[in-house]
PDB file of N, CA and C in Angstrom:
ATOM      1  N   UNK A   1     -14.038 -25.751 -35.825  1.00  0.00           N
ATOM      2  CA  UNK A   1     -13.956 -24.459 -35.232  1.00  0.00           C
ATOM      3  C   UNK A   1     -12.760 -23.751 -35.852  1.00  0.00           C
ATOM      4  N   UNK A   2     -12.842 -22.424 -35.908  1.00  0.00           N
ATOM      5  CA  UNK A   2     -11.702 -21.618 -36.322  1.00  0.00           C
ATOM      6  C   UNK A   2     -11.777 -20.264 -35.639  1.00  0.00           C
ATOM      7  N   UNK A   3     -10.661 -19.578 -35.590  1.00  0.00           N
ATOM      8  CA  UNK A   3     -10.562 -18.300 -34.905  1.00  0.00           C
ATOM      9  C   UNK A   3     -10.241 -17.211 -35.912  1.00  0.00           C
ATOM     10  N   UNK A   4     -10.778 -16.015 -35.664  1.00  0.00           N
ATOM     11  CA  UNK A   4     -10.545 -14.884 -36.560  1.00  0.00           C
ATOM     12  C   UNK A   4     -10.152 -13.647 -35.775  1.00  0.00           C
ATOM     13  N   UNK A   5      -9.266 -12.842 -36.388  1.00  0.00           N
ATOM     14  CA  UNK A   5      -8.955 -11.510 -35.885  1.00  0.00           C
ATOM     15  C   UNK A   5      -9.249 -10.546 -37.018  1.00  0.00           C
ATOM     16  N   UNK A   6      -8.834  -9.312 -36.890  1.00  0.00           N
ATOM     17  CA  UNK A   6      -9.099  -8.330 -37.942  1.00  0.00           C
ATOM     18  C   UNK A   6      -8.530  -8.748 -39.293  1.00  0.00           C
ATOM     19  N   UNK A   7      -7.340  -9.348 -39.282  1.00  0.00           N
ATOM     20  CA  UNK A   7      -6.684  -9.632 -40.555  1.00  0.00           C
ATOM     21  C   UNK A   7      -6.279 -11.090 -40.744  1.00  0.00           C
ATOM     22  N   UNK A   8      -6.639 -11.971 -39.822  1.00  0.00           N
ATOM     23  CA  UNK A   8      -6.187 -13.355 -39.932  1.00  0.00           C
ATOM     24  C   UNK A   8      -7.283 -14.308 -39.475  1.00  0.00           C
ATOM     25  N   UNK A   9      -7.455 -15.383 -40.215  1.00  0.00           N
ATOM     26  CA  UNK A   9      -8.381 -16.455 -39.840  1.00  0.00           C
ATOM     27  C   UNK A   9      -7.638 -17.775 -39.927  1.00  0.00           C
ATOM     28  N   UNK A  10      -7.745 -18.581 -38.871  1.00  0.00           N
ATOM     29  CA  UNK A  10      -7.064 -19.873 -38.863  1.00  0.00           C
ATOM     30  C   UNK A  10      -7.788 -20.858 -39.770  1.00  0.00           C
ATOM     31  N   UNK A  11      -7.128 -21.950 -40.060  1.00  0.00           N
ATOM     32  CA  UNK A  11      -7.787 -23.042 -40.764  1.00  0.00           C
ATOM     33  C   UNK A  11      -8.781 -23.700 -39.817  1.00  0.00           C
ATOM     34  N   UNK A  12      -9.690 -24.496 -40.383  1.00  0.00           N
ATOM     35  CA  UNK A  12     -10.654 -25.214 -39.556  1.00  0.00           C
ATOM     36  C   UNK A  12      -9.931 -26.249 -38.702  1.00  0.00           C
ATOM     37  N   UNK A  13     -10.341 -26.360 -37.437  1.00  0.00           N
ATOM     38  CA  UNK A  13      -9.765 -27.317 -36.494  1.00  0.00           C
ATOM     39  C   UNK A  13     -10.868 -28.275 -36.073  1.00  0.00           C
ATOM     40  N   UNK A  14     -10.628 -29.562 -36.211  1.00  0.00           N
ATOM     41  CA  UNK A  14     -11.604 -30.566 -35.806  1.00  0.00           C
ATOM     42  C   UNK A  14     -11.405 -30.889 -34.328  1.00  0.00           C
ATOM     43  N   UNK A  15     -12.408 -30.582 -33.513  1.00  0.00           N
ATOM     44  CA  UNK A  15     -12.329 -30.875 -32.085  1.00  0.00           C
ATOM     45  C   UNK A  15     -12.833 -32.285 -31.833  1.00  0.00           C
ATOM     46  N   UNK A  16     -11.982 -33.119 -31.284  1.00  0.00           N
ATOM     47  CA  UNK A  16     -12.347 -34.511 -31.050  1.00  0.00           C
ATOM     48  C   UNK A  16     -12.514 -34.831 -29.577  1.00  0.00           C
ATOM     49  N   UNK A  17     -12.041 -33.964 -28.691  1.00  0.00           N
ATOM     50  CA  UNK A  17     -12.188 -34.207 -27.258  1.00  0.00           C
ATOM     51  C   UNK A  17     -12.679 -32.935 -26.595  1.00  0.00           C
ATOM     52  N   UNK A  18     -13.226 -33.070 -25.420  1.00  0.00           N
ATOM     53  CA  UNK A  18     -13.705 -31.911 -24.681  1.00  0.00           C
ATOM     54  C   UNK A  18     -14.784 -32.325 -23.704  1.00  0.00           C
ATOM     55  N   UNK A  19     -15.489 -31.343 -23.193  1.00  0.00           N
ATOM     56  CA  UNK A  19     -16.564 -31.588 -22.239  1.00  0.00           C
ATOM     57  C   UNK A  19     -17.883 -31.471 -22.978  1.00  0.00           C
ATOM     58  N   UNK A  20     -18.778 -32.400 -22.724  1.00  0.00           N
ATOM     59  CA  UNK A  20     -20.069 -32.418 -23.412  1.00  0.00           C
ATOM     60  C   UNK A  20     -20.883 -31.171 -23.079  1.00  0.00           C
ATOM     61  N   UNK A  21     -21.546 -30.619 -24.102  1.00  0.00           N
ATOM     62  CA  UNK A  21     -22.402 -29.467 -23.888  1.00  0.00           C
ATOM     63  C   UNK A  21     -23.541 -29.858 -22.950  1.00  0.00           C
ATOM     64  N   UNK A  22     -23.843 -28.999 -22.015  1.00  0.00           N
ATOM     65  CA  UNK A  22     -24.899 -29.288 -21.060  1.00  0.00           C
ATOM     66  C   UNK A  22     -24.401 -29.920 -19.777  1.00  0.00           C
ATOM     67  N   UNK A  23     -23.138 -30.282 -19.736  1.00  0.00           N
ATOM     68  CA  UNK A  23     -22.556 -30.858 -18.529  1.00  0.00           C
ATOM     69  C   UNK A  23     -22.578 -29.790 -17.431  1.00  0.00           C
ATOM     70  N   UNK A  24     -22.960 -30.166 -16.224  1.00  0.00           N
ATOM     71  CA  UNK A  24     -23.115 -29.188 -15.146  1.00  0.00           C
ATOM     72  C   UNK A  24     -21.794 -28.571 -14.692  1.00  0.00           C
ATOM     73  N   UNK A  25     -20.679 -29.179 -15.002  1.00  0.00           N
ATOM     74  CA  UNK A  25     -19.388 -28.609 -14.602  1.00  0.00           C
ATOM     75  C   UNK A  25     -18.885 -27.565 -15.601  1.00  0.00           C
ATOM     76  N   UNK A  26     -19.473 -27.508 -16.794  1.00  0.00           N
ATOM     77  CA  UNK A  26     -19.013 -26.581 -17.837  1.00  0.00           C
ATOM     78  C   UNK A  26     -18.963 -25.124 -17.386  1.00  0.00           C
ATOM     79  N   UNK A  27     -20.021 -24.576 -16.789  1.00  0.00           N
ATOM     80  CA  UNK A  27     -19.939 -23.167 -16.383  1.00  0.00           C
ATOM     81  C   UNK A  27     -18.840 -22.905 -15.357  1.00  0.00           C
ATOM     82  N   UNK A  28     -18.626 -23.836 -14.466  1.00  0.00           N
ATOM     83  CA  UNK A  28     -17.586 -23.665 -13.449  1.00  0.00           C
ATOM     84  C   UNK A  28     -16.205 -23.672 -14.095  1.00  0.00           C
ATOM     85  N   UNK A  29     -15.962 -24.614 -14.993  1.00  0.00           N
ATOM     86  CA  UNK A  29     -14.673 -24.670 -15.688  1.00  0.00           C
ATOM     87  C   UNK A  29     -14.457 -23.427 -16.548  1.00  0.00           C
ATOM     88  N   UNK A  30     -15.522 -22.955 -17.193  1.00  0.00           N
ATOM     89  CA  UNK A  30     -15.430 -21.756 -18.022  1.00  0.00           C
ATOM     90  C   UNK A  30     -15.014 -20.552 -17.180  1.00  0.00           C
ATOM     91  N   UNK A  31     -15.664 -20.363 -16.043  1.00  0.00           N
ATOM     92  CA  UNK A  31     -15.361 -19.220 -15.178  1.00  0.00           C
ATOM     93  C   UNK A  31     -13.929 -19.296 -14.653  1.00  0.00           C
ATOM     94  N   UNK A  32     -13.492 -20.480 -14.258  1.00  0.00           N
ATOM     95  CA  UNK A  32     -12.123 -20.638 -13.759  1.00  0.00           C
ATOM     96  C   UNK A  32     -11.106 -20.307 -14.853  1.00  0.00           C
ATOM     97  N   UNK A  33     -11.314 -20.849 -16.049  1.00  0.00           N
ATOM     98  CA  UNK A  33     -10.384 -20.599 -17.156  1.00  0.00           C
ATOM     99  C   UNK A  33     -10.388 -19.127 -17.559  1.00  0.00           C
ATOM    100  N   UNK A  34     -11.562 -18.518 -17.666  1.00  0.00           N
ATOM    101  CA  UNK A  34     -11.641 -17.114 -18.063  1.00  0.00           C
ATOM    102  C   UNK A  34     -11.039 -16.195 -17.012  1.00  0.00           C
ATOM    103  N   UNK A  35     -11.160 -16.543 -15.751  1.00  0.00           N
ATOM    104  CA  UNK A  35     -10.557 -15.731 -14.685  1.00  0.00           C
ATOM    105  C   UNK A  35      -9.044 -15.647 -14.868  1.00  0.00           C
ATOM    106  N   UNK A  36      -8.420 -16.767 -15.173  1.00  0.00           N
ATOM    107  CA  UNK A  36      -6.965 -16.795 -15.384  1.00  0.00           C
ATOM    108  C   UNK A  36      -6.590 -15.976 -16.620  1.00  0.00           C
ATOM    109  N   UNK A  37      -7.319 -16.182 -17.712  1.00  0.00           N
ATOM    110  CA  UNK A  37      -7.029 -15.473 -18.965  1.00  0.00           C
ATOM    111  C   UNK A  37      -7.240 -13.966 -18.800  1.00  0.00           C
ATOM    112  N   UNK A  38      -8.370 -13.576 -18.205  1.00  0.00           N
ATOM    113  CA  UNK A  38      -8.674 -12.156 -18.051  1.00  0.00           C
ATOM    114  C   UNK A  38      -7.733 -11.460 -17.078  1.00  0.00           C
ATOM    115  N   UNK A  39      -7.326 -12.146 -16.039  1.00  0.00           N
ATOM    116  CA  UNK A  39      -6.377 -11.561 -15.085  1.00  0.00           C
ATOM    117  C   UNK A  39      -5.047 -11.265 -15.784  1.00  0.00           C
ATOM    118  N   UNK A  40      -4.590 -12.198 -16.609  1.00  0.00           N
ATOM    119  CA  UNK A  40      -3.347 -11.987 -17.354  1.00  0.00           C
ATOM    120  C   UNK A  40      -3.494 -10.826 -18.338  1.00  0.00           C
ATOM    121  N   UNK A  41      -4.635 -10.740 -19.016  1.00  0.00           N
ATOM    122  CA  UNK A  41      -4.867  -9.649 -19.964  1.00  0.00           C
ATOM    123  C   UNK A  41      -4.956  -8.314 -19.240  1.00  0.00           C
ATOM    124  N   UNK A  42      -5.633  -8.291 -18.114  1.00  0.00           N
ATOM    125  CA  UNK A  42      -5.787  -7.057 -17.347  1.00  0.00           C
ATOM    126  C   UNK A  42      -4.444  -6.552 -16.824  1.00  0.00           C
ATOM    127  N   UNK A  43      -3.578  -7.462 -16.425  1.00  0.00           N
ATOM    128  CA  UNK A  43      -2.264  -7.080 -15.916  1.00  0.00           C
ATOM    129  C   UNK A  43      -1.379  -6.470 -16.998  1.00  0.00           C
ATOM    130  N   UNK A  44      -1.613  -6.840 -18.268  1.00  0.00           N
ATOM    131  CA  UNK A  44      -0.763  -6.338 -19.342  1.00  0.00           C
ATOM    132  C   UNK A  44      -1.395  -5.179 -20.115  1.00  0.00           C
ATOM    133  N   UNK A  45      -2.655  -4.854 -19.854  1.00  0.00           N
ATOM    134  CA  UNK A  45      -3.331  -3.762 -20.557  1.00  0.00           C
ATOM    135  C   UNK A  45      -3.496  -2.574 -19.611  1.00  0.00           C
ATOM    136  N   UNK A  46      -3.605  -1.393 -20.187  1.00  0.00           N
ATOM    137  CA  UNK A  46      -3.828  -0.210 -19.355  1.00  0.00           C
ATOM    138  C   UNK A  46      -5.152   0.437 -19.753  1.00  0.00           C
ATOM    139  N   UNK A  47      -5.850   1.053 -18.787  1.00  0.00           N
ATOM    140  CA  UNK A  47      -7.138   1.678 -19.092  1.00  0.00           C
ATOM    141  C   UNK A  47      -6.983   2.862 -20.040  1.00  0.00           C
ATOM    142  N   UNK A  48      -7.986   3.095 -20.882  1.00  0.00           N
ATOM    143  CA  UNK A  48      -7.973   4.225 -21.808  1.00  0.00           C
ATOM    144  C   UNK A  48      -8.388   5.489 -21.065  1.00  0.00           C
ATOM    145  N   UNK A  49      -7.622   6.561 -21.245  1.00  0.00           N
ATOM    146  CA  UNK A  49      -7.914   7.837 -20.598  1.00  0.00           C
ATOM    147  C   UNK A  49      -8.964   8.574 -21.415  1.00  0.00           C
ATOM    148  N   UNK A  50     -10.131   8.826 -20.818  1.00  0.00           N
ATOM    149  CA  UNK A  50     -11.210   9.531 -21.503  1.00  0.00           C
ATOM    150  C   UNK A  50     -11.179  11.029 -21.233  1.00  0.00           C
ATOM    151  N   UNK A  51     -10.242  11.474 -20.414  1.00  0.00           N
ATOM    152  CA  UNK A  51     -10.133  12.888 -20.059  1.00  0.00           C
ATOM    153  C   UNK A  51     -10.972  13.212 -18.832  1.00  0.00           C
ATOM    154  N   UNK A  52     -10.641  14.282 -18.177  1.00  0.00           N
ATOM    155  CA  UNK A  52     -11.385  14.701 -16.994  1.00  0.00           C
ATOM    156  C   UNK A  52     -11.267  13.727 -15.838  1.00  0.00           C
ATOM    157  N   UNK A  53     -10.202  12.960 -15.804  1.00  0.00           N
ATOM    158  CA  UNK A  53     -10.013  11.994 -14.724  1.00  0.00           C
ATOM    159  C   UNK A  53     -10.822  10.720 -14.884  1.00  0.00           C
ATOM    160  N   UNK A  54     -11.467  10.543 -16.049  1.00  0.00           N
ATOM    161  CA  UNK A  54     -12.267   9.331 -16.300  1.00  0.00           C
ATOM    162  C   UNK A  54     -11.449   8.340 -17.120  1.00  0.00           C
ATOM    163  N   UNK A  55     -11.534   7.089 -16.751  1.00  0.00           N
ATOM    164  CA  UNK A  55     -10.826   6.031 -17.460  1.00  0.00           C
ATOM    165  C   UNK A  55     -11.796   4.925 -17.845  1.00  0.00           C
ATOM    166  N   UNK A  56     -11.628   4.414 -19.068  1.00  0.00           N
ATOM    167  CA  UNK A  56     -12.413   3.274 -19.512  1.00  0.00           C
ATOM    168  C   UNK A  56     -11.648   2.013 -19.128  1.00  0.00           C
ATOM    169  N   UNK A  57     -12.313   1.022 -18.556  1.00  0.00           N
ATOM    170  CA  UNK A  57     -11.612  -0.219 -18.210  1.00  0.00           C
ATOM    171  C   UNK A  57     -10.957  -0.828 -19.449  1.00  0.00           C
ATOM    172  N   UNK A  58      -9.809  -1.469 -19.257  1.00  0.00           N
ATOM    173  CA  UNK A  58      -9.096  -2.056 -20.391  1.00  0.00           C
ATOM    174  C   UNK A  58      -9.799  -3.288 -20.937  1.00  0.00           C
ATOM    175  N   UNK A  59     -10.671  -3.896 -20.128  1.00  0.00           N
ATOM    176  CA  UNK A  59     -11.450  -5.022 -20.633  1.00  0.00           C
ATOM    177  C   UNK A  59     -12.742  -5.164 -19.850  1.00  0.00           C
ATOM    178  N   UNK A  60     -13.732  -5.724 -20.523  1.00  0.00           N
ATOM    179  CA  UNK A  60     -15.010  -6.066 -19.906  1.00  0.00           C
ATOM    180  C   UNK A  60     -15.326  -7.483 -20.315  1.00  0.00           C
ATOM    181  N   UNK A  61     -15.854  -8.265 -19.396  1.00  0.00           N
ATOM    182  CA  UNK A  61     -16.142  -9.661 -19.717  1.00  0.00           C
ATOM    183  C   UNK A  61     -17.495 -10.076 -19.155  1.00  0.00           C
ATOM    184  N   UNK A  62     -18.237 -10.746 -19.984  1.00  0.00           N
ATOM    185  CA  UNK A  62     -19.500 -11.357 -19.612  1.00  0.00           C
ATOM    186  C   UNK A  62     -19.444 -12.801 -20.094  1.00  0.00           C
ATOM    187  N   UNK A  63     -20.383 -13.625 -19.712  1.00  0.00           N
ATOM    188  CA  UNK A  63     -20.328 -15.045 -20.082  1.00  0.00           C
ATOM    189  C   UNK A  63     -20.303 -15.252 -21.593  1.00  0.00           C
ATOM    190  N   UNK A  64     -20.933 -14.360 -22.353  1.00  0.00           N
ATOM    191  CA  UNK A  64     -21.022 -14.579 -23.795  1.00  0.00           C
ATOM    192  C   UNK A  64     -20.310 -13.515 -24.631  1.00  0.00           C
ATOM    193  N   UNK A  65     -19.557 -12.623 -23.975  1.00  0.00           N
ATOM    194  CA  UNK A  65     -18.938 -11.538 -24.726  1.00  0.00           C
ATOM    195  C   UNK A  65     -17.761 -10.967 -23.938  1.00  0.00           C
ATOM    196  N   UNK A  66     -16.612 -10.852 -24.582  1.00  0.00           N
ATOM    197  CA  UNK A  66     -15.438 -10.258 -23.949  1.00  0.00           C
ATOM    198  C   UNK A  66     -14.879  -9.186 -24.873  1.00  0.00           C
ATOM    199  N   UNK A  67     -14.611  -8.006 -24.319  1.00  0.00           N
ATOM    200  CA  UNK A  67     -14.045  -6.907 -25.085  1.00  0.00           C
ATOM    201  C   UNK A  67     -12.737  -6.488 -24.444  1.00  0.00           C
ATOM    202  N   UNK A  68     -11.666  -6.450 -25.242  1.00  0.00           N
ATOM    203  CA  UNK A  68     -10.360  -5.997 -24.771  1.00  0.00           C
ATOM    204  C   UNK A  68      -9.973  -4.785 -25.601  1.00  0.00           C
ATOM    205  N   UNK A  69      -9.677  -3.685 -24.918  1.00  0.00           N
ATOM    206  CA  UNK A  69      -9.337  -2.438 -25.618  1.00  0.00           C
ATOM    207  C   UNK A  69      -7.850  -2.190 -25.472  1.00  0.00           C
TER     208      UNK A  69
END
């Protein structure tokens, strides 16, 4: 696995431990971990002002896609 941003990509990382895919606890652990991460991101980000009193949320998260503005 490796991670990428606009201008940087990490080296490949060999994952040797973790939770097996298909394990019934995986979705629960994912939601718990993402809640902590997203709460921290939301606290440090501010909504974008679209004008006319409208604001775009600073982040949106779904199980398979997260956007931080």
